[in-house]
Amino acid sequence: MSTFTISSGAGAWIGFQVLTGSGRGMVMQIVFPLPISPLFHSKPNCLTSKQQPITAVQNSLPQPQIPVGTSLMTFSQYLGSATLVAFGETIFTNRLKAALALYAPSENADYILDIGATSLRQDVAADMLQPVLRAYNKALTETYVSSLIPVLGR
């Protein structure tokens, strides 16, 4: 998505949505090696894979701890998602203000943020629309790239 430009068509963003959705689906199918269930006593040291993290929690914890483990895992997933969305929004807002100062210094950055992306074409003057769109594109692509920082470790 860091390759998007102002003129990127629907094919580009639809393709990236499919790619991102497939990647997320594969990540959610994390394979956990777990001991085979007691049904297979003939191979006590054999390992199997459970594809959903909740299944892994349920199979690895003693019965009384399963509700706590499952709720803690679900809570962590939602907390992580909510936190990272807030980080992404903060990064985007700061990058958009900087990009507007670069590409459209005469535009009020707070006004542009307040009207939102869906109202740009109606509320921004025609001669300033391309610079504002360029600023939006720069802010979005930099936000997408900055989301890789935790993955890359820098």
Protein backbone atom coordinates (compact mmCIF):
# COMPACT_ATOMS: atom_id res chain seq x y z
CA MET A 1 0.00 0.00 0.00
CA SER A 2 3.03 2.23 0.26
CA THR A 3 3.07 2.32 -3.54
CA PHE A 4 -0.27 4.13 -3.82
CA THR A 5 -0.39 7.37 -5.74
CA ILE A 6 -3.17 9.87 -6.32
CA SER A 7 -3.96 8.12 -9.59
CA SER A 8 -4.00 4.55 -8.19
CA GLY A 9 -7.11 2.83 -9.44
CA ALA A 10 -9.56 0.52 -7.74
CA GLY A 11 -7.61 -2.52 -8.95
CA ALA A 12 -4.60 -1.50 -6.87
CA TRP A 13 -6.41 -1.03 -3.58
CA ILE A 14 -8.68 -4.04 -4.11
CA GLY A 15 -5.61 -6.18 -4.80
CA PHE A 16 -3.92 -4.93 -1.64
CA GLN A 17 -7.09 -5.58 0.38
CA VAL A 18 -7.14 -9.17 -0.87
CA LEU A 19 -3.43 -9.55 -0.11
CA THR A 20 -3.80 -8.01 3.36
CA GLY A 21 -6.87 -10.10 4.15
CA SER A 22 -5.14 -13.28 3.03
CA GLY A 23 -2.09 -12.44 5.11
CA ARG A 24 -4.20 -11.75 8.17
CA GLY A 25 -6.06 -14.99 7.64
CA MET A 26 -2.81 -16.91 7.46
CA VAL A 27 -1.47 -15.23 10.59
CA MET A 28 -4.62 -16.07 12.51
CA GLN A 29 -4.05 -19.69 11.49
CA ILE A 30 -0.88 -19.91 13.58
CA VAL A 31 0.23 -23.47 14.06
CA PHE A 32 0.97 -24.48 17.65
CA PRO A 33 2.66 -27.81 18.30
CA LEU A 34 0.66 -29.56 21.02
CA PRO A 35 0.77 -33.04 22.47
CA ILE A 36 -1.66 -35.44 20.84
CA SER A 37 -4.87 -35.95 22.77
CA PRO A 38 -5.25 -38.96 25.07
CA LEU A 39 -7.19 -40.70 22.31
CA PHE A 40 -3.88 -41.48 20.61
CA HIS A 41 -1.98 -43.25 23.41
CA SER A 42 -0.01 -45.33 20.93
CA LYS A 43 2.27 -42.35 20.16
CA PRO A 44 2.66 -40.38 23.40
CA ASN A 45 5.52 -38.18 22.15
CA CYS A 46 3.87 -37.30 18.83
CA LEU A 47 2.94 -33.67 18.17
CA THR A 48 -0.06 -32.29 16.35
CA SER A 49 -1.10 -28.81 15.31
CA LYS A 50 -4.13 -26.82 16.32
CA GLN A 51 -4.82 -24.00 13.95
CA GLN A 52 -6.64 -21.48 16.08
CA PRO A 53 -4.96 -19.78 19.04
CA ILE A 54 -8.08 -20.27 21.16
CA THR A 55 -7.92 -23.98 20.51
CA ALA A 56 -4.29 -23.94 21.57
CA VAL A 57 -5.19 -22.21 24.83
CA GLN A 58 -7.98 -24.68 25.47
CA ASN A 59 -5.75 -27.65 24.83
CA SER A 60 -2.73 -26.46 26.78
CA LEU A 61 -4.36 -25.26 29.99
CA PRO A 62 -5.95 -27.30 32.77
CA GLN A 63 -9.75 -27.24 32.68
CA PRO A 64 -10.23 -24.66 35.49
CA GLN A 65 -7.86 -22.18 33.78
CA ILE A 66 -9.35 -22.34 30.27
CA PRO A 67 -11.84 -19.46 30.79
CA VAL A 68 -9.11 -17.21 32.18
CA GLY A 69 -6.66 -18.11 29.39
CA THR A 70 -9.23 -17.65 26.65
CA SER A 71 -10.46 -14.32 27.99
CA LEU A 72 -6.90 -13.05 28.52
CA MET A 73 -5.96 -13.94 24.94
CA THR A 74 -9.09 -12.30 23.53
CA PHE A 75 -8.58 -9.22 25.70
CA SER A 76 -4.97 -8.93 24.52
CA GLN A 77 -6.00 -9.16 20.88
CA TYR A 78 -8.61 -6.41 21.25
CA LEU A 79 -6.38 -4.20 23.39
CA GLY A 80 -3.55 -4.53 20.90
CA SER A 81 -5.82 -3.70 17.99
CA ALA A 82 -7.35 -0.67 19.71
CA THR A 83 -3.96 0.64 20.78
CA LEU A 84 -2.41 0.23 17.35
CA VAL A 85 -5.36 1.96 15.65
CA ALA A 86 -4.83 4.93 17.97
CA PHE A 87 -1.10 4.94 17.17
CA GLY A 88 -1.84 4.78 13.44
CA GLU A 89 -4.30 7.65 13.65
CA THR A 90 -1.80 9.77 15.55
CA ILE A 91 0.93 9.03 13.02
CA PHE A 92 -1.41 9.81 10.13
CA THR A 93 -2.57 13.11 11.67
CA ASN A 94 0.98 14.27 12.33
CA ARG A 95 2.19 13.19 8.88
CA LEU A 96 -0.77 14.89 7.19
CA LYS A 97 -0.06 18.19 8.95
CA ALA A 98 3.59 18.00 7.89
CA ALA A 99 2.67 17.07 4.30
CA LEU A 100 0.11 19.88 4.08
CA ALA A 101 2.78 22.33 5.24
CA LEU A 102 5.00 21.02 2.42
CA TYR A 103 2.51 20.70 -0.46
CA ALA A 104 -0.27 23.13 0.47
CA PRO A 105 1.09 25.63 2.97
CA SER A 106 -1.78 28.06 2.41
CA GLU A 107 -4.38 25.49 3.53
CA ASN A 108 -5.45 25.25 7.15
CA ALA A 109 -4.38 21.76 8.29
CA ASP A 110 -6.92 21.64 11.12
CA TYR A 111 -9.72 22.49 8.68
CA ILE A 112 -8.55 19.75 6.28
CA LEU A 113 -8.50 17.25 9.15
CA ASP A 114 -11.95 18.35 10.31
CA ILE A 115 -13.66 17.98 6.93
CA GLY A 116 -12.18 14.52 6.36
CA ALA A 117 -11.17 12.75 3.20
CA THR A 118 -14.69 12.24 1.87
CA SER A 119 -15.40 15.98 1.69
CA LEU A 120 -12.14 17.14 0.16
CA ARG A 121 -13.41 17.46 -3.40
CA GLN A 122 -16.37 19.60 -2.30
CA ASP A 123 -14.70 21.74 0.38
CA VAL A 124 -11.20 22.42 -0.98
CA ALA A 125 -10.67 24.99 -3.72
CA ALA A 126 -10.09 23.45 -7.15
CA ASP A 127 -6.60 24.94 -7.49
CA MET A 128 -5.56 23.45 -4.11
CA LEU A 129 -7.16 20.02 -4.53
CA GLN A 130 -4.16 18.32 -6.16
CA PRO A 131 -1.64 19.53 -3.54
CA VAL A 132 -4.01 18.48 -0.73
CA LEU A 133 -4.52 15.07 -2.33
CA ARG A 134 -0.75 14.74 -2.69
CA ALA A 135 -0.39 15.54 1.02
CA TYR A 136 -3.03 12.94 1.91
CA ASN A 137 -1.27 10.35 -0.23
CA LYS A 138 2.09 11.10 1.37
CA ALA A 139 0.61 10.87 4.88
CA LEU A 140 -1.15 7.58 4.13
CA THR A 141 1.85 5.89 2.53
CA GLU A 142 4.13 7.02 5.36
CA THR A 143 1.63 5.67 7.89
CA TYR A 144 1.55 2.32 6.09
CA VAL A 145 5.34 2.18 6.08
CA SER A 146 5.59 3.19 9.74
CA SER A 147 3.32 0.27 10.67
CA LEU A 148 6.22 -1.99 9.66
CA ILE A 149 8.55 -0.58 12.31
CA PRO A 150 7.45 -2.97 15.08
CA VAL A 151 7.78 -5.89 12.67
CA LEU A 152 11.24 -4.88 11.49
CA GLY A 153 12.46 -4.04 14.96
CA ARG A 154 13.60 -0.47 14.37
